[in-house]
Amino acid sequence: MSNMSAEEKKYKRFITIVSIVIPLAVAALFGVKIPNVEPLTFLPPIYASINGLTAVLLVASVVAIKKGNRKLHEQLNTTAIICSALFLVMYVAYHMTSDSTKFGGEGVIKYIYLFILLTHIVLSIIVIPFVLITFMRARLGKFAEHKKIAKITFPLWLYVAVSGVVVYLMISPYYV
């Protein structure tokens, strides 16, 4: 039986709810089109850039903690979480006002694109609880447990951030 604190139980409940609600809300909102609204076609390069910034923040965060700068590490990770949330809001807003863009490449490149897109989508869902649990463990001062899960969270989150940029770069020639 675990001796979880009330605060930790509260965090875990929050993490469970958020990890379920975000993918369901995104999936539901993805199918909603706001009528008579100008498509927000300027958003994809912005949210792709935010994904790129998230990747840079994550790498800088690892460098900061390896140099023993815990405060900077915490600030960089908090900023990366904010960037990921901003990405999500812009991504949903774009898809609620614009039709999805079809990838126009053919042959092997199409399969590479689809593989990167599929792994990006699946891992973007999987990474949510990892990010939140990693963050929670640091907030609770459970640094040994934080470090252990961060070794899984970092590469997953970095892949999601970088693959988001790659997906954008691959599909951008096909935006109308």
N, C-alpha and C. Protein backbone atom coordinates (compact mmCIF):
# COMPACT_ATOMS: atom_id res chain seq x y z
N MET A 1 0.85 -1.19 0.00
CA MET A 1 0.00 0.00 0.00
C MET A 1 0.88 1.25 0.00
N SER A 2 0.60 2.17 -0.86
CA SER A 2 1.45 3.36 -0.97
C SER A 2 1.06 4.39 0.08
N ASN A 3 2.04 5.12 0.53
CA ASN A 3 1.80 6.17 1.50
C ASN A 3 1.82 7.51 0.77
N MET A 4 0.84 7.68 -0.12
CA MET A 4 0.74 8.87 -0.94
C MET A 4 0.15 10.01 -0.11
N SER A 5 0.74 11.18 -0.23
CA SER A 5 0.22 12.35 0.48
C SER A 5 -1.09 12.80 -0.16
N ALA A 6 -1.85 13.57 0.58
CA ALA A 6 -3.11 14.11 0.05
C ALA A 6 -2.82 14.98 -1.17
N GLU A 7 -1.72 15.74 -1.11
CA GLU A 7 -1.35 16.60 -2.23
C GLU A 7 -1.03 15.76 -3.47
N GLU A 8 -0.30 14.65 -3.26
CA GLU A 8 0.05 13.77 -4.38
C GLU A 8 -1.19 13.12 -4.97
N LYS A 9 -2.13 12.72 -4.14
CA LYS A 9 -3.39 12.13 -4.62
C LYS A 9 -4.17 13.15 -5.45
N LYS A 10 -4.16 14.40 -5.00
CA LYS A 10 -4.84 15.48 -5.73
C LYS A 10 -4.20 15.67 -7.11
N TYR A 11 -2.86 15.71 -7.13
CA TYR A 11 -2.14 15.84 -8.40
C TYR A 11 -2.48 14.67 -9.33
N LYS A 12 -2.44 13.45 -8.80
CA LYS A 12 -2.69 12.26 -9.64
C LYS A 12 -4.10 12.28 -10.21
N ARG A 13 -5.06 12.71 -9.42
CA ARG A 13 -6.44 12.81 -9.91
C ARG A 13 -6.50 13.83 -11.05
N PHE A 14 -5.86 14.98 -10.85
CA PHE A 14 -5.81 16.04 -11.87
C PHE A 14 -5.14 15.52 -13.14
N ILE A 15 -4.02 14.84 -12.99
CA ILE A 15 -3.27 14.31 -14.14
C ILE A 15 -4.12 13.31 -14.92
N THR A 16 -4.81 12.43 -14.21
CA THR A 16 -5.67 11.44 -14.87
C THR A 16 -6.77 12.12 -15.67
N ILE A 17 -7.42 13.10 -15.05
CA ILE A 17 -8.51 13.82 -15.74
C ILE A 17 -7.98 14.55 -16.97
N VAL A 18 -6.91 15.31 -16.80
CA VAL A 18 -6.34 16.09 -17.91
C VAL A 18 -5.86 15.17 -19.04
N SER A 19 -5.26 14.05 -18.68
CA SER A 19 -4.72 13.11 -19.68
C SER A 19 -5.82 12.44 -20.49
N ILE A 20 -7.03 12.40 -19.96
CA ILE A 20 -8.17 11.84 -20.68
C ILE A 20 -8.93 12.95 -21.41
N VAL A 21 -9.15 14.06 -20.73
CA VAL A 21 -9.97 15.14 -21.30
C VAL A 21 -9.30 15.81 -22.50
N ILE A 22 -8.00 16.09 -22.44
CA ILE A 22 -7.33 16.79 -23.55
C ILE A 22 -7.47 16.03 -24.88
N PRO A 23 -7.08 14.75 -24.94
CA PRO A 23 -7.23 14.06 -26.24
C PRO A 23 -8.70 13.96 -26.70
N LEU A 24 -9.61 13.73 -25.77
CA LEU A 24 -11.03 13.65 -26.14
C LEU A 24 -11.54 15.00 -26.64
N ALA A 25 -11.17 16.06 -25.95
CA ALA A 25 -11.60 17.41 -26.36
C ALA A 25 -11.02 17.78 -27.72
N VAL A 26 -9.75 17.48 -27.93
CA VAL A 26 -9.11 17.78 -29.22
C VAL A 26 -9.81 16.99 -30.33
N ALA A 27 -10.06 15.70 -30.08
CA ALA A 27 -10.74 14.87 -31.08
C ALA A 27 -12.14 15.42 -31.38
N ALA A 28 -12.86 15.80 -30.34
CA ALA A 28 -14.22 16.33 -30.53
C ALA A 28 -14.19 17.67 -31.26
N LEU A 29 -13.32 18.56 -30.83
CA LEU A 29 -13.24 19.89 -31.44
C LEU A 29 -12.70 19.83 -32.87
N PHE A 30 -11.89 18.82 -33.16
CA PHE A 30 -11.34 18.64 -34.50
C PHE A 30 -12.47 18.49 -35.52
N GLY A 31 -13.57 17.90 -35.09
CA GLY A 31 -14.72 17.68 -35.97
C GLY A 31 -15.68 18.85 -36.03
N VAL A 32 -15.44 19.89 -35.22
CA VAL A 32 -16.32 21.06 -35.17
C VAL A 32 -15.76 22.14 -36.09
N LYS A 33 -16.61 22.66 -36.96
CA LYS A 33 -16.20 23.78 -37.81
C LYS A 33 -17.06 24.98 -37.42
N ILE A 34 -16.40 26.08 -37.11
CA ILE A 34 -17.12 27.31 -36.76
C ILE A 34 -17.60 27.93 -38.07
N PRO A 35 -18.93 28.09 -38.24
CA PRO A 35 -19.44 28.63 -39.50
C PRO A 35 -19.19 30.14 -39.65
N ASN A 36 -19.05 30.57 -40.88
CA ASN A 36 -18.92 31.99 -41.22
C ASN A 36 -17.76 32.68 -40.51
N VAL A 37 -16.66 31.96 -40.38
CA VAL A 37 -15.46 32.53 -39.75
C VAL A 37 -14.32 32.42 -40.75
N GLU A 38 -13.54 33.47 -40.82
CA GLU A 38 -12.37 33.48 -41.71
C GLU A 38 -11.39 32.40 -41.23
N PRO A 39 -10.93 31.51 -42.14
CA PRO A 39 -9.95 30.49 -41.74
C PRO A 39 -8.69 31.13 -41.15
N LEU A 40 -8.20 30.55 -40.08
CA LEU A 40 -7.00 31.08 -39.41
C LEU A 40 -5.74 30.46 -40.05
N THR A 41 -5.58 30.75 -41.33
CA THR A 41 -4.52 30.13 -42.11
C THR A 41 -3.11 30.59 -41.72
N PHE A 42 -3.02 31.66 -40.95
CA PHE A 42 -1.71 32.16 -40.51
C PHE A 42 -1.15 31.34 -39.34
N LEU A 43 -1.96 30.47 -38.72
CA LEU A 43 -1.54 29.76 -37.51
C LEU A 43 -0.52 28.63 -37.71
N PRO A 44 -0.60 27.79 -38.75
CA PRO A 44 0.34 26.67 -38.83
C PRO A 44 1.82 27.02 -38.69
N PRO A 45 2.34 28.06 -39.37
CA PRO A 45 3.76 28.34 -39.16
C PRO A 45 4.06 28.83 -37.73
N ILE A 46 3.07 29.46 -37.10
CA ILE A 46 3.26 29.92 -35.72
C ILE A 46 3.30 28.73 -34.78
N TYR A 47 2.32 27.82 -34.89
CA TYR A 47 2.35 26.70 -33.95
C TYR A 47 3.47 25.70 -34.26
N ALA A 48 3.91 25.63 -35.50
CA ALA A 48 5.08 24.81 -35.81
C ALA A 48 6.33 25.42 -35.17
N SER A 49 6.43 26.74 -35.22
CA SER A 49 7.56 27.43 -34.58
C SER A 49 7.54 27.23 -33.06
N ILE A 50 6.35 27.22 -32.49
CA ILE A 50 6.23 26.97 -31.05
C ILE A 50 6.70 25.55 -30.73
N ASN A 51 6.39 24.59 -31.60
CA ASN A 51 6.91 23.22 -31.41
C ASN A 51 8.43 23.23 -31.46
N GLY A 52 8.99 23.98 -32.41
CA GLY A 52 10.45 24.08 -32.50
C GLY A 52 11.05 24.71 -31.26
N LEU A 53 10.41 25.76 -30.77
CA LEU A 53 10.86 26.42 -29.54
C LEU A 53 10.79 25.45 -28.35
N THR A 54 9.73 24.66 -28.29
CA THR A 54 9.59 23.66 -27.23
C THR A 54 10.77 22.70 -27.25
N ALA A 55 11.15 22.24 -28.44
CA ALA A 55 12.29 21.32 -28.56
C ALA A 55 13.57 21.98 -28.03
N VAL A 56 13.80 23.24 -28.40
CA VAL A 56 14.98 23.97 -27.94
C VAL A 56 14.95 24.13 -26.41
N LEU A 57 13.78 24.46 -25.87
CA LEU A 57 13.64 24.61 -24.41
C LEU A 57 13.94 23.30 -23.69
N LEU A 58 13.47 22.19 -24.24
CA LEU A 58 13.71 20.88 -23.61
C LEU A 58 15.19 20.53 -23.59
N VAL A 59 15.87 20.77 -24.70
CA VAL A 59 17.32 20.49 -24.75
C VAL A 59 18.05 21.42 -23.78
N ALA A 60 17.69 22.69 -23.77
CA ALA A 60 18.32 23.66 -22.86
C ALA A 60 18.06 23.27 -21.40
N SER A 61 16.90 22.74 -21.14
CA SER A 61 16.54 22.31 -19.79
C SER A 61 17.43 21.17 -19.31
N VAL A 62 17.70 20.22 -20.18
CA VAL A 62 18.59 19.10 -19.83
C VAL A 62 20.01 19.62 -19.59
N VAL A 63 20.45 20.53 -20.44
CA VAL A 63 21.78 21.13 -20.26
C VAL A 63 21.84 21.85 -18.91
N ALA A 64 20.79 22.61 -18.59
CA ALA A 64 20.75 23.36 -17.33
C ALA A 64 20.85 22.44 -16.11
N ILE A 65 20.10 21.34 -16.11
CA ILE A 65 20.13 20.46 -14.93
C ILE A 65 21.45 19.70 -14.85
N LYS A 66 22.03 19.37 -16.00
CA LYS A 66 23.34 18.70 -15.99
C LYS A 66 24.42 19.62 -15.43
N LYS A 67 24.21 20.94 -15.59
CA LYS A 67 25.15 21.93 -15.03
C LYS A 67 24.78 22.30 -13.59
N GLY A 68 23.72 21.66 -13.06
CA GLY A 68 23.31 21.90 -11.68
C GLY A 68 22.44 23.13 -11.48
N ASN A 69 21.93 23.70 -12.55
CA ASN A 69 21.09 24.90 -12.43
C ASN A 69 19.62 24.49 -12.38
N ARG A 70 19.16 24.10 -11.19
CA ARG A 70 17.80 23.60 -10.99
C ARG A 70 16.74 24.66 -11.29
N LYS A 71 17.01 25.90 -10.90
CA LYS A 71 16.04 26.98 -11.10
C LYS A 71 15.79 27.21 -12.60
N LEU A 72 16.88 27.31 -13.38
CA LEU A 72 16.74 27.49 -14.82
C LEU A 72 16.04 26.29 -15.45
N HIS A 73 16.40 25.09 -15.00
CA HIS A 73 15.78 23.85 -15.47
C HIS A 73 14.26 23.91 -15.28
N GLU A 74 13.86 24.32 -14.09
CA GLU A 74 12.43 24.43 -13.77
C GLU A 74 11.75 25.49 -14.65
N GLN A 75 12.39 26.64 -14.82
CA GLN A 75 11.82 27.71 -15.64
C GLN A 75 11.68 27.29 -17.11
N LEU A 76 12.68 26.60 -17.63
CA LEU A 76 12.64 26.15 -19.02
C LEU A 76 11.53 25.12 -19.23
N ASN A 77 11.39 24.19 -18.27
CA ASN A 77 10.34 23.18 -18.40
C ASN A 77 8.95 23.78 -18.25
N THR A 78 8.80 24.73 -17.35
CA THR A 78 7.51 25.41 -17.20
C THR A 78 7.16 26.15 -18.49
N THR A 79 8.15 26.80 -19.08
CA THR A 79 7.93 27.51 -20.35
C THR A 79 7.59 26.51 -21.46
N ALA A 80 8.23 25.35 -21.47
CA ALA A 80 7.93 24.32 -22.48
C ALA A 80 6.49 23.83 -22.34
N ILE A 81 6.02 23.68 -21.11
CA ILE A 81 4.62 23.27 -20.88
C ILE A 81 3.67 24.35 -21.40
N ILE A 82 3.98 25.61 -21.12
CA ILE A 82 3.16 26.72 -21.61
C ILE A 82 3.15 26.72 -23.14
N CYS A 83 4.31 26.52 -23.74
CA CYS A 83 4.39 26.46 -25.21
C CYS A 83 3.53 25.33 -25.77
N SER A 84 3.59 24.17 -25.13
CA SER A 84 2.78 23.04 -25.59
C SER A 84 1.29 23.35 -25.48
N ALA A 85 0.90 24.02 -24.42
CA ALA A 85 -0.51 24.41 -24.26
C ALA A 85 -0.92 25.43 -25.33
N LEU A 86 -0.04 26.41 -25.59
CA LEU A 86 -0.31 27.39 -26.65
C LEU A 86 -0.42 26.71 -28.01
N PHE A 87 0.48 25.78 -28.28
CA PHE A 87 0.41 25.01 -29.52
C PHE A 87 -0.96 24.37 -29.65
N LEU A 88 -1.39 23.70 -28.60
CA LEU A 88 -2.66 22.97 -28.63
C LEU A 88 -3.84 23.88 -28.92
N VAL A 89 -3.88 25.04 -28.26
CA VAL A 89 -4.96 26.01 -28.47
C VAL A 89 -4.97 26.48 -29.93
N MET A 90 -3.79 26.82 -30.46
CA MET A 90 -3.71 27.30 -31.85
C MET A 90 -4.04 26.20 -32.85
N TYR A 91 -3.58 24.99 -32.57
CA TYR A 91 -3.84 23.85 -33.44
C TYR A 91 -5.35 23.60 -33.55
N VAL A 92 -6.02 23.59 -32.41
CA VAL A 92 -7.47 23.37 -32.39
C VAL A 92 -8.19 24.53 -33.09
N ALA A 93 -7.77 25.77 -32.80
CA ALA A 93 -8.39 26.94 -33.43
C ALA A 93 -8.26 26.87 -34.95
N TYR A 94 -7.08 26.48 -35.43
CA TYR A 94 -6.87 26.36 -36.87
C TYR A 94 -7.84 25.33 -37.47
N HIS A 95 -7.90 24.16 -36.83
CA HIS A 95 -8.72 23.09 -37.38
C HIS A 95 -10.22 23.33 -37.22
N MET A 96 -10.59 24.22 -36.32
CA MET A 96 -12.02 24.58 -36.18
C MET A 96 -12.44 25.63 -37.21
N THR A 97 -11.47 26.23 -37.89
CA THR A 97 -11.79 27.28 -38.88
C THR A 97 -11.33 26.91 -40.29
N SER A 98 -10.57 25.84 -40.43
CA SER A 98 -9.97 25.50 -41.72
C SER A 98 -10.14 24.02 -42.02
N ASP A 99 -10.24 23.69 -43.29
CA ASP A 99 -10.27 22.29 -43.69
C ASP A 99 -8.88 21.70 -43.54
N SER A 100 -8.83 20.41 -43.26
CA SER A 100 -7.53 19.74 -43.16
C SER A 100 -6.85 19.74 -44.52
N THR A 101 -5.54 19.85 -44.49
CA THR A 101 -4.75 19.86 -45.72
C THR A 101 -4.32 18.43 -46.02
N LYS A 102 -4.48 18.02 -47.24
CA LYS A 102 -4.04 16.68 -47.66
C LYS A 102 -2.58 16.76 -48.09
N PHE A 103 -1.81 15.75 -47.68
CA PHE A 103 -0.42 15.66 -48.09
C PHE A 103 -0.40 15.28 -49.57
N GLY A 104 0.33 16.01 -50.38
CA GLY A 104 0.33 15.79 -51.82
C GLY A 104 1.46 14.93 -52.35
N GLY A 105 2.38 14.55 -51.46
CA GLY A 105 3.50 13.73 -51.92
C GLY A 105 3.04 12.32 -52.28
N GLU A 106 3.83 11.66 -53.10
CA GLU A 106 3.48 10.30 -53.54
C GLU A 106 4.65 9.36 -53.33
N GLY A 107 4.34 8.08 -53.32
CA GLY A 107 5.39 7.06 -53.19
C GLY A 107 5.92 6.97 -51.77
N VAL A 108 7.21 6.70 -51.68
CA VAL A 108 7.87 6.46 -50.38
C VAL A 108 7.70 7.66 -49.44
N ILE A 109 7.80 8.87 -49.97
CA ILE A 109 7.72 10.07 -49.12
C ILE A 109 6.36 10.16 -48.42
N LYS A 110 5.30 9.70 -49.09
CA LYS A 110 3.97 9.71 -48.48
C LYS A 110 3.94 8.78 -47.27
N TYR A 111 4.56 7.61 -47.38
CA TYR A 111 4.59 6.66 -46.26
C TYR A 111 5.46 7.17 -45.12
N ILE A 112 6.53 7.85 -45.45
CA ILE A 112 7.39 8.46 -44.42
C ILE A 112 6.59 9.54 -43.68
N TYR A 113 5.90 10.39 -44.45
CA TYR A 113 5.06 11.44 -43.85
C TYR A 113 4.00 10.82 -42.94
N LEU A 114 3.29 9.81 -43.43
CA LEU A 114 2.22 9.18 -42.64
C LEU A 114 2.77 8.53 -41.37
N PHE A 115 3.96 7.92 -41.47
CA PHE A 115 4.59 7.33 -40.29
C PHE A 115 4.92 8.40 -39.25
N ILE A 116 5.53 9.49 -39.71
CA ILE A 116 5.90 10.58 -38.79
C ILE A 116 4.63 11.19 -38.19
N LEU A 117 3.61 11.42 -39.02
CA LEU A 117 2.36 12.00 -38.53
C LEU A 117 1.69 11.09 -37.50
N LEU A 118 1.58 9.80 -37.82
CA LEU A 118 0.93 8.85 -36.91
C LEU A 118 1.68 8.76 -35.58
N THR A 119 3.01 8.62 -35.64
CA THR A 119 3.78 8.51 -34.39
C THR A 119 3.70 9.83 -33.61
N HIS A 120 3.68 10.95 -34.31
CA HIS A 120 3.53 12.26 -33.65
C HIS A 120 2.21 12.32 -32.90
N ILE A 121 1.12 11.94 -33.55
CA ILE A 121 -0.21 12.00 -32.93
C ILE A 121 -0.30 11.07 -31.73
N VAL A 122 0.10 9.81 -31.93
CA VAL A 122 0.01 8.82 -30.85
C VAL A 122 0.87 9.24 -29.65
N LEU A 123 2.10 9.64 -29.91
CA LEU A 123 2.99 10.02 -28.81
C LEU A 123 2.58 11.34 -28.16
N SER A 124 1.91 12.23 -28.92
CA SER A 124 1.45 13.48 -28.31
C SER A 124 0.35 13.21 -27.27
N ILE A 125 -0.36 12.12 -27.43
CA ILE A 125 -1.37 11.72 -26.44
C ILE A 125 -0.68 11.02 -25.26
N ILE A 126 0.21 10.10 -25.58
CA ILE A 126 0.92 9.33 -24.55
C ILE A 126 1.77 10.22 -23.65
N VAL A 127 2.35 11.28 -24.21
CA VAL A 127 3.30 12.11 -23.45
C VAL A 127 2.60 12.98 -22.39
N ILE A 128 1.32 13.24 -22.55
CA ILE A 128 0.62 14.14 -21.60
C ILE A 128 0.80 13.70 -20.15
N PRO A 129 0.40 12.46 -19.79
CA PRO A 129 0.59 12.09 -18.37
C PRO A 129 2.06 12.05 -17.96
N PHE A 130 2.96 11.69 -18.88
CA PHE A 130 4.39 11.67 -18.56
C PHE A 130 4.87 13.07 -18.17
N VAL A 131 4.51 14.07 -18.97
CA VAL A 131 4.93 15.44 -18.68
C VAL A 131 4.36 15.88 -17.32
N LEU A 132 3.09 15.61 -17.11
CA LEU A 132 2.45 16.07 -15.87
C LEU A 132 2.98 15.34 -14.64
N ILE A 133 3.22 14.04 -14.76
CA ILE A 133 3.78 13.28 -13.63
C ILE A 133 5.21 13.75 -13.34
N THR A 134 5.99 13.96 -14.38
CA THR A 134 7.37 14.43 -14.20
C THR A 134 7.37 15.78 -13.49
N PHE A 135 6.50 16.67 -13.95
CA PHE A 135 6.37 18.00 -13.34
C PHE A 135 5.92 17.88 -11.88
N MET A 136 4.91 17.04 -11.63
CA MET A 136 4.38 16.85 -10.28
C MET A 136 5.47 16.35 -9.32
N ARG A 137 6.24 15.38 -9.76
CA ARG A 137 7.29 14.83 -8.89
C ARG A 137 8.32 15.89 -8.52
N ALA A 138 8.64 16.76 -9.46
CA ALA A 138 9.57 17.85 -9.15
C ALA A 138 8.93 18.81 -8.16
N ARG A 139 7.66 19.16 -8.39
CA ARG A 139 6.95 20.09 -7.49
C ARG A 139 6.85 19.54 -6.07
N LEU A 140 6.73 18.22 -5.96
CA LEU A 140 6.62 17.59 -4.64
C LEU A 140 7.99 17.32 -4.03
N GLY A 141 9.05 17.67 -4.75
CA GLY A 141 10.40 17.47 -4.22
C GLY A 141 10.86 16.02 -4.29
N LYS A 142 10.20 15.21 -5.07
CA LYS A 142 10.58 13.80 -5.23
C LYS A 142 11.55 13.69 -6.41
N PHE A 143 12.75 14.21 -6.21
CA PHE A 143 13.68 14.38 -7.32
C PHE A 143 14.24 13.07 -7.87
N ALA A 144 14.40 12.05 -7.04
CA ALA A 144 14.89 10.75 -7.56
C ALA A 144 13.83 10.16 -8.50
N GLU A 145 12.56 10.22 -8.09
CA GLU A 145 11.45 9.71 -8.93
C GLU A 145 11.28 10.60 -10.16
N HIS A 146 11.46 11.90 -9.98
CA HIS A 146 11.37 12.86 -11.09
C HIS A 146 12.40 12.52 -12.16
N LYS A 147 13.63 12.31 -11.72
CA LYS A 147 14.73 12.02 -12.65
C LYS A 147 14.47 10.72 -13.40
N LYS A 148 13.94 9.73 -12.69
CA LYS A 148 13.67 8.43 -13.29
C LYS A 148 12.65 8.54 -14.45
N ILE A 149 11.54 9.21 -14.22
CA ILE A 149 10.52 9.34 -15.27
C ILE A 149 10.93 10.36 -16.33
N ALA A 150 11.72 11.35 -15.94
CA ALA A 150 12.18 12.36 -16.91
C ALA A 150 13.00 11.71 -18.03
N LYS A 151 13.68 10.61 -17.71
CA LYS A 151 14.48 9.91 -18.72
C LYS A 151 13.59 9.29 -19.81
N ILE A 152 12.31 9.09 -19.49
CA ILE A 152 11.34 8.60 -20.47
C ILE A 152 10.62 9.79 -21.10
N THR A 153 10.23 10.75 -20.26
CA THR A 153 9.47 11.91 -20.73
C THR A 153 10.25 12.74 -21.73
N PHE A 154 11.51 13.02 -21.44
CA PHE A 154 12.31 13.89 -22.31
C PHE A 154 12.34 13.41 -23.77
N PRO A 155 12.76 12.16 -24.04
CA PRO A 155 12.81 11.76 -25.46
C PRO A 155 11.43 11.71 -26.12
N LEU A 156 10.41 11.32 -25.38
CA LEU A 156 9.05 11.31 -25.94
C LEU A 156 8.61 12.71 -26.33
N TRP A 157 8.77 13.65 -25.38
CA TRP A 157 8.33 15.03 -25.60
C TRP A 157 9.16 15.69 -26.70
N LEU A 158 10.45 15.43 -26.69
CA LEU A 158 11.33 15.98 -27.73
C LEU A 158 10.91 15.46 -29.10
N TYR A 159 10.61 14.16 -29.19
CA TYR A 159 10.16 13.59 -30.46
C TYR A 159 8.87 14.26 -30.92
N VAL A 160 7.92 14.44 -30.02
CA VAL A 160 6.65 15.08 -30.37
C VAL A 160 6.90 16.50 -30.88
N ALA A 161 7.74 17.24 -30.20
CA ALA A 161 8.03 18.63 -30.61
C ALA A 161 8.71 18.68 -31.97
N VAL A 162 9.76 17.87 -32.15
CA VAL A 162 10.51 17.88 -33.41
C VAL A 162 9.67 17.32 -34.56
N SER A 163 8.95 16.23 -34.31
CA SER A 163 8.14 15.63 -35.38
C SER A 163 7.01 16.57 -35.79
N GLY A 164 6.52 17.40 -34.87
CA GLY A 164 5.51 18.40 -35.22
C GLY A 164 6.05 19.38 -36.24
N VAL A 165 7.30 19.79 -36.07
CA VAL A 165 7.94 20.70 -37.02
C VAL A 165 8.14 19.98 -38.36
N VAL A 166 8.58 18.74 -38.31
CA VAL A 166 8.81 17.97 -39.54
C VAL A 166 7.50 17.78 -40.32
N VAL A 167 6.42 17.45 -39.61
CA VAL A 167 5.11 17.30 -40.25
C VAL A 167 4.72 18.61 -40.93
N TYR A 168 4.90 19.72 -40.22
CA TYR A 168 4.57 21.02 -40.80
C TYR A 168 5.40 21.28 -42.07
N LEU A 169 6.70 21.06 -41.99
CA LEU A 169 7.57 21.32 -43.14
C LEU A 169 7.21 20.43 -44.33
N MET A 170 6.80 19.20 -44.04
CA MET A 170 6.44 18.29 -45.12
C MET A 170 5.11 18.65 -45.76
N ILE A 171 4.15 19.15 -44.97
CA ILE A 171 2.82 19.44 -45.53
C ILE A 171 2.68 20.88 -45.99
N SER A 172 3.54 21.77 -45.54
CA SER A 172 3.39 23.20 -45.86
C SER A 172 3.31 23.52 -47.37
N PRO A 173 3.99 22.79 -48.24
CA PRO A 173 3.82 23.11 -49.67
C PRO A 173 2.39 22.87 -50.18
N TYR A 174 1.61 22.12 -49.41
CA TYR A 174 0.26 21.74 -49.87
C TYR A 174 -0.84 22.60 -49.25
N TYR A 175 -0.47 23.55 -48.39
CA TYR A 175 -1.48 24.46 -47.85
C TYR A 175 -2.03 25.31 -48.99
N VAL A 176 -3.34 25.54 -48.95
CA VAL A 176 -3.98 26.33 -50.01
C VAL A 176 -3.82 27.81 -49.73
